[in-house]
N, C-alpha and C. Protein backbone atom coordinates (compact mmCIF):
# COMPACT_ATOMS: atom_id res chain seq x y z
N MET A 1 36.62 -1.36 1.46
CA MET A 1 34.87 -2.57 1.89
C MET A 1 34.57 -2.65 -0.16
N LYS A 2 34.77 -4.22 -0.33
CA LYS A 2 34.18 -4.16 -2.42
C LYS A 2 32.68 -3.61 -1.82
N GLU A 3 32.83 -3.26 -3.55
CA GLU A 3 31.51 -3.01 -4.22
C GLU A 3 30.56 -3.96 -3.87
N LEU A 4 29.16 -2.98 -3.66
CA LEU A 4 27.96 -3.74 -3.45
C LEU A 4 27.78 -4.22 -4.16
N THR A 5 26.53 -5.52 -4.83
CA THR A 5 25.86 -4.96 -6.23
C THR A 5 24.58 -4.47 -5.74
N PHE A 6 23.98 -4.29 -6.88
CA PHE A 6 21.85 -4.15 -6.23
C PHE A 6 21.85 -4.65 -5.64
N GLU A 7 21.78 -5.90 -5.01
CA GLU A 7 20.90 -6.84 -4.51
C GLU A 7 21.64 -7.03 -2.36
N GLU A 8 22.98 -7.05 -2.84
CA GLU A 8 23.83 -6.75 -1.75
C GLU A 8 23.52 -5.69 -0.94
N ALA A 9 23.02 -4.43 -1.86
CA ALA A 9 23.18 -3.54 -1.12
C ALA A 9 21.43 -3.15 -0.93
N LEU A 10 20.23 -3.66 -2.07
CA LEU A 10 18.87 -3.79 -1.03
C LEU A 10 19.46 -4.51 0.80
N ALA A 11 19.83 -5.10 -0.09
CA ALA A 11 19.51 -6.72 1.33
C ALA A 11 19.97 -5.40 3.16
N GLU A 12 21.23 -5.21 2.32
CA GLU A 12 21.94 -4.23 3.49
C GLU A 12 21.55 -3.41 3.95
N SER A 13 21.02 -2.05 3.26
CA SER A 13 20.21 -0.80 3.49
C SER A 13 18.89 -1.34 4.54
N GLU A 14 18.35 -2.75 4.05
CA GLU A 14 17.47 -3.07 4.64
C GLU A 14 17.38 -3.24 6.78
N ARG A 15 18.69 -3.94 6.32
CA ARG A 15 18.87 -3.98 7.91
C ARG A 15 19.03 -2.89 8.48
N LEU A 16 19.81 -2.14 7.79
CA LEU A 16 20.54 -1.38 8.34
C LEU A 16 19.29 -0.43 9.47
N LEU A 17 17.77 0.22 7.70
CA LEU A 17 16.75 0.83 8.37
C LEU A 17 15.85 0.47 8.90
N SER A 18 16.25 -0.92 9.26
CA SER A 18 15.25 -1.40 10.48
C SER A 18 16.34 -1.50 11.64
N ARG A 19 16.97 -1.25 11.73
CA ARG A 19 18.32 -0.59 13.06
C ARG A 19 18.20 0.56 13.30
N LEU A 20 17.83 1.47 12.17
CA LEU A 20 17.58 3.11 12.67
C LEU A 20 16.36 2.91 14.01
N ASP A 21 15.80 2.46 12.94
CA ASP A 21 14.30 2.59 13.33
C ASP A 21 13.91 1.58 14.99
N GLU A 22 14.38 0.61 15.12
CA GLU A 22 15.03 0.06 16.76
C GLU A 22 15.74 1.53 17.35
N SER A 23 16.38 2.38 17.17
CA SER A 23 17.57 3.06 17.73
C SER A 23 18.10 2.17 17.88
N GLU A 24 19.26 1.37 17.67
CA GLU A 24 20.37 0.53 17.47
C GLU A 24 21.61 1.25 17.40
N LEU A 25 21.30 2.30 16.25
CA LEU A 25 22.38 2.81 16.02
C LEU A 25 22.82 4.56 16.60
N ALA A 26 24.56 4.72 16.46
CA ALA A 26 24.84 5.76 17.11
C ALA A 26 24.84 6.41 15.74
N GLY A 27 24.83 8.49 15.94
CA GLY A 27 24.57 8.90 15.02
C GLY A 27 25.54 8.22 13.76
N SER A 28 26.95 8.46 14.17
CA SER A 28 28.45 8.25 13.42
C SER A 28 28.09 6.83 12.69
N THR A 29 27.47 6.15 13.11
CA THR A 29 27.89 5.11 12.91
C THR A 29 27.21 5.06 11.40
N VAL A 30 26.18 5.04 11.57
CA VAL A 30 24.39 5.29 10.90
C VAL A 30 24.97 6.05 8.95
N ARG A 31 25.84 7.22 9.35
CA ARG A 31 26.21 8.33 8.70
C ARG A 31 27.46 7.04 8.05
N GLN A 32 28.10 7.00 8.81
CA GLN A 32 29.23 5.78 8.30
C GLN A 32 28.82 4.99 6.92
N GLU A 33 27.57 4.08 7.65
CA GLU A 33 27.23 2.86 7.64
C GLU A 33 26.75 3.08 5.71
N ILE A 34 26.00 4.55 5.63
CA ILE A 34 24.91 4.19 4.85
C ILE A 34 26.33 5.33 3.66
N GLY A 35 26.97 5.91 4.65
CA GLY A 35 28.47 6.16 3.39
C GLY A 35 29.13 5.14 2.41
N SER A 36 29.11 4.36 3.19
CA SER A 36 29.64 3.50 2.74
C SER A 36 28.38 2.53 1.38
N ILE A 37 27.62 1.85 1.56
CA ILE A 37 26.13 2.13 1.44
C ILE A 37 26.52 2.43 -0.46
N VAL A 38 26.22 4.03 -0.04
CA VAL A 38 25.46 4.59 -1.04
C VAL A 38 26.62 5.05 -1.63
N GLY A 39 28.15 4.10 -2.14
CA GLY A 39 29.53 4.81 -2.40
C GLY A 39 29.42 4.51 -3.96
N THR A 40 28.68 3.46 -4.38
CA THR A 40 28.64 3.42 -5.63
C THR A 40 27.19 3.02 -6.20
N VAL A 41 27.14 3.59 -7.21
CA VAL A 41 26.26 3.51 -7.91
C VAL A 41 24.78 2.03 -7.90
N SER A 42 25.82 1.20 -7.98
CA SER A 42 25.05 0.16 -7.49
C SER A 42 24.06 0.00 -6.21
N GLY A 43 25.15 0.50 -5.13
CA GLY A 43 25.01 0.63 -4.04
C GLY A 43 23.90 1.84 -3.33
N ALA A 44 24.15 3.01 -3.85
CA ALA A 44 22.44 4.59 -3.81
C ALA A 44 22.20 3.84 -4.81
N ARG A 45 21.18 3.00 -5.56
CA ARG A 45 20.19 2.24 -6.37
C ARG A 45 19.55 1.98 -5.54
N GLY A 46 19.88 1.07 -4.90
CA GLY A 46 19.86 -0.34 -3.92
C GLY A 46 19.01 0.52 -2.30
N PHE A 47 20.01 1.73 -2.40
CA PHE A 47 19.84 1.92 -0.75
C PHE A 47 18.68 2.98 -1.12
N LEU A 48 18.11 3.96 -2.03
CA LEU A 48 16.85 4.66 -1.78
C LEU A 48 16.05 3.86 -2.76
N VAL A 49 16.03 2.39 -3.34
CA VAL A 49 15.07 1.94 -3.60
C VAL A 49 14.20 1.32 -1.95
N THR A 50 14.89 1.03 -1.18
CA THR A 50 14.87 0.67 -0.19
C THR A 50 14.32 1.84 0.34
N LEU A 51 14.89 2.66 1.08
CA LEU A 51 14.73 4.42 1.62
C LEU A 51 12.80 4.60 0.90
N LEU A 52 12.68 4.28 -0.19
CA LEU A 52 11.94 5.30 -0.97
C LEU A 52 10.26 4.42 -0.64
N THR A 53 11.13 2.91 -1.24
CA THR A 53 9.83 2.20 -1.61
C THR A 53 9.34 1.52 -0.29
N GLY A 54 10.20 1.14 1.21
CA GLY A 54 9.86 1.14 2.02
C GLY A 54 9.59 1.26 3.08
N GLU A 55 8.99 0.44 4.11
CA GLU A 55 8.02 1.44 5.11
C GLU A 55 8.90 1.00 6.72
N TYR A 56 9.73 2.48 6.33
CA TYR A 56 10.57 2.94 7.19
C TYR A 56 10.34 4.69 8.05
N GLY A 57 10.23 4.25 9.59
CA GLY A 57 10.76 5.94 9.96
C GLY A 57 11.51 6.99 8.79
N ALA A 58 12.62 6.96 8.32
CA ALA A 58 12.86 7.54 8.02
C ALA A 58 12.73 7.39 6.42
N SER A 59 12.15 6.85 5.93
CA SER A 59 11.43 6.86 4.66
C SER A 59 10.75 8.47 4.18
N ASP A 60 9.97 8.52 5.54
CA ASP A 60 8.52 9.52 5.92
C ASP A 60 9.69 10.67 6.12
N GLN A 61 10.76 10.63 7.43
CA GLN A 61 11.13 11.53 7.97
C GLN A 61 12.63 11.16 8.51
N PRO A 62 13.29 11.26 7.27
CA PRO A 62 14.82 11.13 6.78
C PRO A 62 15.41 11.84 7.75
N GLY A 63 16.54 11.98 8.46
CA GLY A 63 17.19 13.01 9.76
C GLY A 63 18.27 13.27 9.44
N GLU A 64 18.30 14.03 10.61
CA GLU A 64 19.57 14.59 9.78
C GLU A 64 21.08 13.90 9.49
N VAL A 65 21.32 12.62 10.14
CA VAL A 65 21.61 11.70 10.25
C VAL A 65 21.86 10.78 8.95
N LEU A 66 20.98 10.72 8.31
CA LEU A 66 20.79 10.05 6.90
C LEU A 66 20.43 10.53 6.54
N LEU A 67 20.61 12.23 5.59
CA LEU A 67 20.81 12.92 4.89
C LEU A 67 22.35 13.32 5.26
N GLU A 68 23.14 13.36 5.45
CA GLU A 68 24.52 13.41 6.16
C GLU A 68 25.44 12.12 5.28
N GLY A 69 24.94 11.11 5.54
CA GLY A 69 24.78 10.18 4.94
C GLY A 69 24.80 10.14 3.60
N LEU A 70 23.51 10.37 2.97
CA LEU A 70 23.58 10.39 1.44
C LEU A 70 24.43 11.66 0.92
N SER A 71 24.44 12.15 1.39
CA SER A 71 25.46 13.50 0.90
C SER A 71 27.00 13.57 1.03
N ALA A 72 27.54 11.84 1.83
CA ALA A 72 28.41 12.01 1.29
C ALA A 72 28.79 11.10 0.11
N ALA A 73 28.36 11.02 -0.59
CA ALA A 73 28.39 11.23 -2.57
C ALA A 73 27.50 10.98 -2.87
N ALA A 74 26.97 12.95 -2.30
CA ALA A 74 26.34 13.85 -3.64
C ALA A 74 26.44 13.53 -4.59
N PRO A 75 26.68 13.11 -5.29
CA PRO A 75 26.97 13.19 -7.28
C PRO A 75 26.04 12.24 -7.44
N VAL A 76 26.76 10.60 -6.76
CA VAL A 76 25.38 9.71 -7.59
C VAL A 76 24.63 9.76 -6.70
N VAL A 77 23.77 9.92 -5.41
CA VAL A 77 22.98 10.56 -4.85
C VAL A 77 21.75 11.63 -5.51
N CYS A 78 22.14 12.33 -5.86
CA CYS A 78 21.52 13.59 -6.42
C CYS A 78 21.26 13.21 -8.15
N ASP A 79 22.31 12.55 -9.00
CA ASP A 79 21.31 12.02 -10.31
C ASP A 79 21.00 11.49 -10.32
N LEU A 80 20.50 10.47 -8.91
CA LEU A 80 19.31 9.67 -9.48
C LEU A 80 17.86 9.85 -8.61
N LEU A 81 18.09 10.74 -7.74
CA LEU A 81 17.25 11.19 -6.66
C LEU A 81 16.55 12.45 -7.93
N ALA A 82 17.42 12.73 -8.81
CA ALA A 82 16.68 13.80 -9.89
C ALA A 82 15.58 12.97 -11.18
N LYS A 83 16.82 11.16 -11.01
CA LYS A 83 16.54 10.52 -12.23
C LYS A 83 14.76 10.15 -11.95
N ASN A 84 14.32 9.68 -10.44
CA ASN A 84 13.46 8.93 -9.63
C ASN A 84 12.75 10.10 -9.51
N LEU A 85 12.49 11.93 -9.24
CA LEU A 85 11.50 12.38 -9.49
C LEU A 85 10.02 12.06 -11.44
N VAL A 86 11.14 11.86 -12.57
CA VAL A 86 10.72 11.79 -13.51
C VAL A 86 10.36 10.12 -13.00
N MET A 87 11.08 9.52 -12.70
CA MET A 87 10.21 8.26 -12.70
C MET A 87 9.18 7.28 -11.91
N SER A 88 9.33 7.89 -11.23
CA SER A 88 7.13 8.43 -10.04
C SER A 88 6.47 8.42 -11.02
N THR A 89 7.40 9.43 -11.27
CA THR A 89 5.89 10.74 -11.64
C THR A 89 4.68 9.79 -13.13
N ALA A 90 5.88 9.55 -13.50
CA ALA A 90 5.98 9.28 -14.96
C ALA A 90 4.82 7.34 -14.80
N MET A 91 5.76 6.47 -14.03
CA MET A 91 4.81 5.61 -13.56
C MET A 91 3.80 5.36 -13.06
N ALA A 92 3.39 6.83 -12.50
CA ALA A 92 2.24 7.28 -11.77
C ALA A 92 0.29 7.53 -12.85
N VAL A 93 1.85 8.03 -13.39
CA VAL A 93 0.99 8.06 -15.32
C VAL A 93 0.17 7.31 -15.46
N THR A 94 1.76 5.67 -15.85
CA THR A 94 0.93 4.92 -16.11
C THR A 94 0.44 4.01 -15.61
N HIS A 95 0.52 3.78 -14.42
CA HIS A 95 -0.42 3.15 -13.47
C HIS A 95 -2.22 4.02 -13.78
N GLU A 96 -2.38 4.99 -13.68
CA GLU A 96 -3.58 5.36 -13.21
C GLU A 96 -4.47 4.91 -15.43
N ARG A 97 -3.35 5.02 -16.17
CA ARG A 97 -4.57 4.39 -17.47
C ARG A 97 -4.15 3.31 -17.25
N ASN A 98 -3.69 2.22 -16.41
CA ASN A 98 -3.56 0.74 -16.88
C ASN A 98 -4.71 0.51 -15.37
N GLY A 99 -5.35 1.43 -14.76
CA GLY A 99 -6.79 1.02 -13.40
C GLY A 99 -5.93 0.56 -12.36
N GLU A 100 -5.16 0.69 -12.46
CA GLU A 100 -3.75 0.21 -11.46
C GLU A 100 -4.27 1.53 -9.93
N GLY A 101 -4.85 1.99 -9.23
CA GLY A 101 -4.64 3.23 -8.81
C GLY A 101 -3.78 2.84 -7.46
N GLU A 102 -4.47 1.63 -6.73
CA GLU A 102 -2.67 1.84 -5.66
C GLU A 102 -1.30 1.42 -5.79
N MET A 103 -0.74 0.40 -7.40
CA MET A 103 0.28 1.76 -7.82
C MET A 103 0.61 2.24 -8.15
N ALA A 104 -0.27 3.38 -8.60
CA ALA A 104 0.06 5.19 -8.98
C ALA A 104 -0.26 5.83 -7.38
N ASP A 105 -0.72 5.38 -6.39
CA ASP A 105 -0.80 5.69 -5.40
C ASP A 105 0.93 5.33 -4.56
N GLY A 106 2.04 4.64 -5.23
CA GLY A 106 2.76 4.07 -4.54
C GLY A 106 3.86 4.91 -4.85
N SER A 107 4.04 5.00 -6.45
CA SER A 107 4.27 5.87 -7.54
C SER A 107 4.24 7.43 -6.75
N ARG A 108 3.26 7.40 -6.92
CA ARG A 108 3.13 9.34 -6.02
C ARG A 108 4.15 9.25 -4.95
N ARG A 109 2.95 8.49 -3.52
CA ARG A 109 4.40 8.06 -2.68
C ARG A 109 6.19 8.27 -2.98
N VAL A 110 6.38 7.53 -3.40
CA VAL A 110 7.50 7.74 -3.41
C VAL A 110 8.26 9.26 -3.83
N PHE A 111 7.42 9.86 -5.60
CA PHE A 111 7.84 10.87 -5.84
C PHE A 111 7.31 12.03 -4.07
N ILE A 112 6.66 11.91 -3.46
CA ILE A 112 6.53 12.77 -1.79
C ILE A 112 8.09 12.19 -1.71
N ARG A 113 7.87 11.72 -1.37
CA ARG A 113 9.66 10.45 -0.21
C ARG A 113 10.87 11.87 -0.96
N THR A 114 10.40 11.19 -2.96
CA THR A 114 11.59 12.01 -3.58
C THR A 114 12.23 13.44 -3.34
N SER A 115 10.73 13.94 -3.47
CA SER A 115 11.05 15.62 -3.47
C SER A 115 11.19 15.70 -1.68
N LYS A 116 10.80 15.82 -1.11
CA LYS A 116 11.13 15.62 0.33
C LYS A 116 13.28 16.01 0.61
N LEU A 117 13.77 14.51 -0.25
CA LEU A 117 15.08 14.38 0.26
C LEU A 117 15.89 15.42 -1.02
N VAL A 118 15.05 15.76 -1.60
CA VAL A 118 15.66 16.48 -2.42
C VAL A 118 15.70 17.99 -2.29
N THR A 119 14.51 18.27 -1.24
CA THR A 119 13.93 19.90 -0.79
C THR A 119 15.10 19.88 0.40
N MET A 120 14.93 18.67 1.58
CA MET A 120 16.26 19.24 2.80
C MET A 120 17.78 18.68 2.60
N LEU A 121 18.11 17.51 1.12
CA LEU A 121 19.36 17.72 0.54
C LEU A 121 20.60 19.41 0.19
N ASP A 122 18.98 20.22 -0.53
CA ASP A 122 18.93 21.49 -0.79
C ASP A 122 20.67 21.24 -1.21
N SER A 123 21.63 21.39 -1.32
CA SER A 123 22.85 21.42 -2.36
C SER A 123 22.68 21.39 -3.52
N ASP A 124 24.31 22.50 -4.21
CA ASP A 124 24.26 22.83 -5.30
C ASP A 124 24.20 22.25 -6.78
N GLU A 125 25.02 20.50 -6.19
CA GLU A 125 24.88 19.64 -6.93
C GLU A 125 23.28 18.69 -7.09
N MET A 126 22.79 18.73 -5.99
CA MET A 126 21.21 18.78 -6.35
C MET A 126 20.34 19.73 -7.30
N ARG A 127 20.65 21.14 -6.88
CA ARG A 127 20.25 22.04 -7.29
C ARG A 127 20.41 22.47 -9.24
N LYS A 128 21.37 21.02 -9.56
CA LYS A 128 22.45 21.39 -10.83
C LYS A 128 21.98 20.13 -11.29
N ARG A 129 21.38 19.44 -10.94
CA ARG A 129 20.35 17.77 -11.18
C ARG A 129 19.74 18.42 -11.53
N ILE A 130 18.38 18.94 -10.82
CA ILE A 130 16.66 19.70 -10.99
C ILE A 130 16.75 20.50 -12.28
N GLU A 131 17.83 21.55 -12.13
CA GLU A 131 17.81 22.00 -13.46
C GLU A 131 18.37 21.63 -14.38
N GLU A 132 19.47 20.36 -14.41
CA GLU A 132 19.57 19.82 -15.78
C GLU A 132 18.26 18.97 -16.64
N MET A 133 17.68 18.21 -15.54
CA MET A 133 16.27 17.78 -15.75
C MET A 133 15.90 18.33 -16.13
N TRP A 134 15.45 19.44 -15.50
CA TRP A 134 14.06 20.34 -16.36
C TRP A 134 14.55 20.59 -18.02
N LEU A 135 15.77 21.30 -17.66
CA LEU A 135 16.33 22.18 -19.54
C LEU A 135 15.50 20.36 -20.36
N SER A 136 15.74 19.37 -19.82
CA SER A 136 16.02 17.93 -20.59
C SER A 136 14.06 17.31 -20.48
N VAL A 137 13.80 18.17 -19.51
CA VAL A 137 12.08 17.54 -20.35
C VAL A 137 11.21 18.37 -20.92
N THR A 138 11.30 19.85 -20.56
CA THR A 138 11.42 20.83 -21.19
C THR A 138 11.50 21.39 -22.39
N GLU A 139 12.85 21.27 -22.56
CA GLU A 139 13.35 21.40 -24.00
C GLU A 139 13.85 20.84 -24.58
N GLY A 140 14.19 19.61 -24.18
CA GLY A 140 14.43 18.01 -24.88
C GLY A 140 16.31 18.78 -25.08
N ARG A 141 16.84 19.07 -24.25
CA ARG A 141 18.08 19.24 -24.01
C ARG A 141 18.71 18.74 -23.08
N GLY A 142 20.37 18.94 -23.20
CA GLY A 142 20.52 18.71 -21.80
C GLY A 142 21.26 17.76 -20.73
N GLN A 143 21.54 17.07 -20.25
CA GLN A 143 22.80 16.22 -19.39
C GLN A 143 21.21 14.68 -19.98
N TYR A 144 20.29 15.06 -19.52
CA TYR A 144 19.46 14.10 -18.96
C TYR A 144 18.77 13.41 -20.22
N LEU A 145 19.01 13.84 -21.05
CA LEU A 145 17.76 13.42 -22.67
C LEU A 145 17.45 12.09 -22.93
N SER A 146 19.37 11.56 -22.86
CA SER A 146 18.98 9.85 -23.60
C SER A 146 17.89 9.57 -22.21
N PHE A 147 18.14 9.42 -21.53
CA PHE A 147 17.82 9.02 -19.82
C PHE A 147 15.78 8.96 -20.84
N LEU A 148 15.71 10.34 -20.87
CA LEU A 148 14.01 10.48 -21.19
C LEU A 148 13.64 9.25 -22.11
N LYS A 149 14.94 9.62 -23.55
CA LYS A 149 14.34 8.61 -24.39
C LYS A 149 14.60 7.24 -24.35
N ARG A 150 15.63 7.42 -23.81
CA ARG A 150 15.54 5.95 -23.38
C ARG A 150 14.05 4.60 -22.20
N TRP A 151 13.83 5.68 -21.83
CA TRP A 151 11.91 5.30 -21.26
C TRP A 151 11.32 5.36 -22.07
N LYS A 152 11.66 6.54 -23.36
CA LYS A 152 10.16 6.70 -24.24
C LYS A 152 9.07 6.96 -23.61
N TYR A 153 9.38 8.48 -22.11
CA TYR A 153 8.05 9.43 -21.88
C TYR A 153 7.53 9.36 -22.99
N ASP A 154 6.15 9.65 -22.55
CA ASP A 154 5.33 10.24 -23.35
C ASP A 154 4.89 12.08 -23.32
N ASP A 155 4.64 12.43 -24.40
CA ASP A 155 4.14 14.32 -24.05
C ASP A 155 3.21 13.65 -22.65
N GLU A 156 2.22 12.96 -22.35
CA GLU A 156 1.68 13.60 -21.14
C GLU A 156 2.30 13.35 -19.82
N GLN A 157 3.03 12.21 -19.92
CA GLN A 157 4.07 12.17 -18.96
C GLN A 157 5.01 12.74 -19.16
N LEU A 158 5.38 13.69 -18.93
CA LEU A 158 6.30 14.40 -19.63
C LEU A 158 5.83 16.07 -18.91
N GLU A 159 5.03 16.01 -19.34
CA GLU A 159 3.71 17.22 -18.54
C GLU A 159 3.94 17.45 -17.84
N LYS A 160 2.92 16.07 -17.22
CA LYS A 160 3.56 15.74 -16.19
C LYS A 160 4.77 16.25 -14.28
N VAL A 161 5.54 15.09 -15.79
CA VAL A 161 7.48 15.44 -15.49
C VAL A 161 7.42 16.89 -14.73
N ALA A 162 7.50 17.47 -15.31
CA ALA A 162 7.16 19.77 -15.24
C ALA A 162 6.64 20.13 -14.18
N ALA A 163 5.45 19.40 -14.39
CA ALA A 163 5.13 19.79 -13.59
C ALA A 163 5.43 20.00 -12.17
N SER A 164 5.98 18.57 -12.65
CA SER A 164 6.38 18.37 -11.05
C SER A 164 7.31 18.74 -9.92
N LEU A 165 8.11 19.20 -11.64
CA LEU A 165 10.04 19.55 -11.46
C LEU A 165 9.37 20.78 -10.91
N LYS A 166 8.77 21.70 -10.81
CA LYS A 166 8.44 22.75 -11.38
C LYS A 166 8.80 23.97 -9.89
N PRO A 167 7.99 22.87 -8.89
CA PRO A 167 8.31 23.88 -7.72
C PRO A 167 9.54 23.04 -6.86
N LEU A 168 10.51 22.49 -7.48
CA LEU A 168 11.55 21.61 -6.89
C LEU A 168 12.96 23.00 -7.71
N ARG A 169 12.04 23.35 -8.94
CA ARG A 169 13.67 24.17 -9.66
C ARG A 169 13.66 25.36 -8.10
N LYS A 170 15.15 25.83 -7.91
CA LYS A 170 15.35 27.26 -7.61
C LYS A 170 15.46 28.74 -8.34
N ALA A 171 15.44 28.35 -9.73
CA ALA A 171 15.36 29.26 -10.40
C ALA A 171 15.18 30.35 -10.48
């Protein structure tokens, strides 16, 4: 299968998650389809955006089959989930500052959904990514430092991010 663009991954993910809601898919089919979408960075980004921002049953109640599909691409998925924890928390702060309560609520909902996936995946890879993000946020070192600098998060945002990451750490 060819590598999906981000836009193609969004469309494929919407179709898959809708079919999953309608119980049209067998477990092994779901696992395979998710695995084929999330096997690349652009595919995984598209799938996670669709899952975490959409109105699908699996968005709030991810099942075992979905978790198995995501686990098939653990390094990519875990990296994106760690980044998503930061981005959703920081954006909630930004939306609050701008008086955009509904947008802030949406960002918080994405954070809650992401946290749930992080907790449910509970793999060595996921724990490693959370710890790396923690070091970058709280100590200004580690593999995610360039990510944080690129997005120019301020002190208040980083403080909120640290508070949101703390309960997810296993250390």
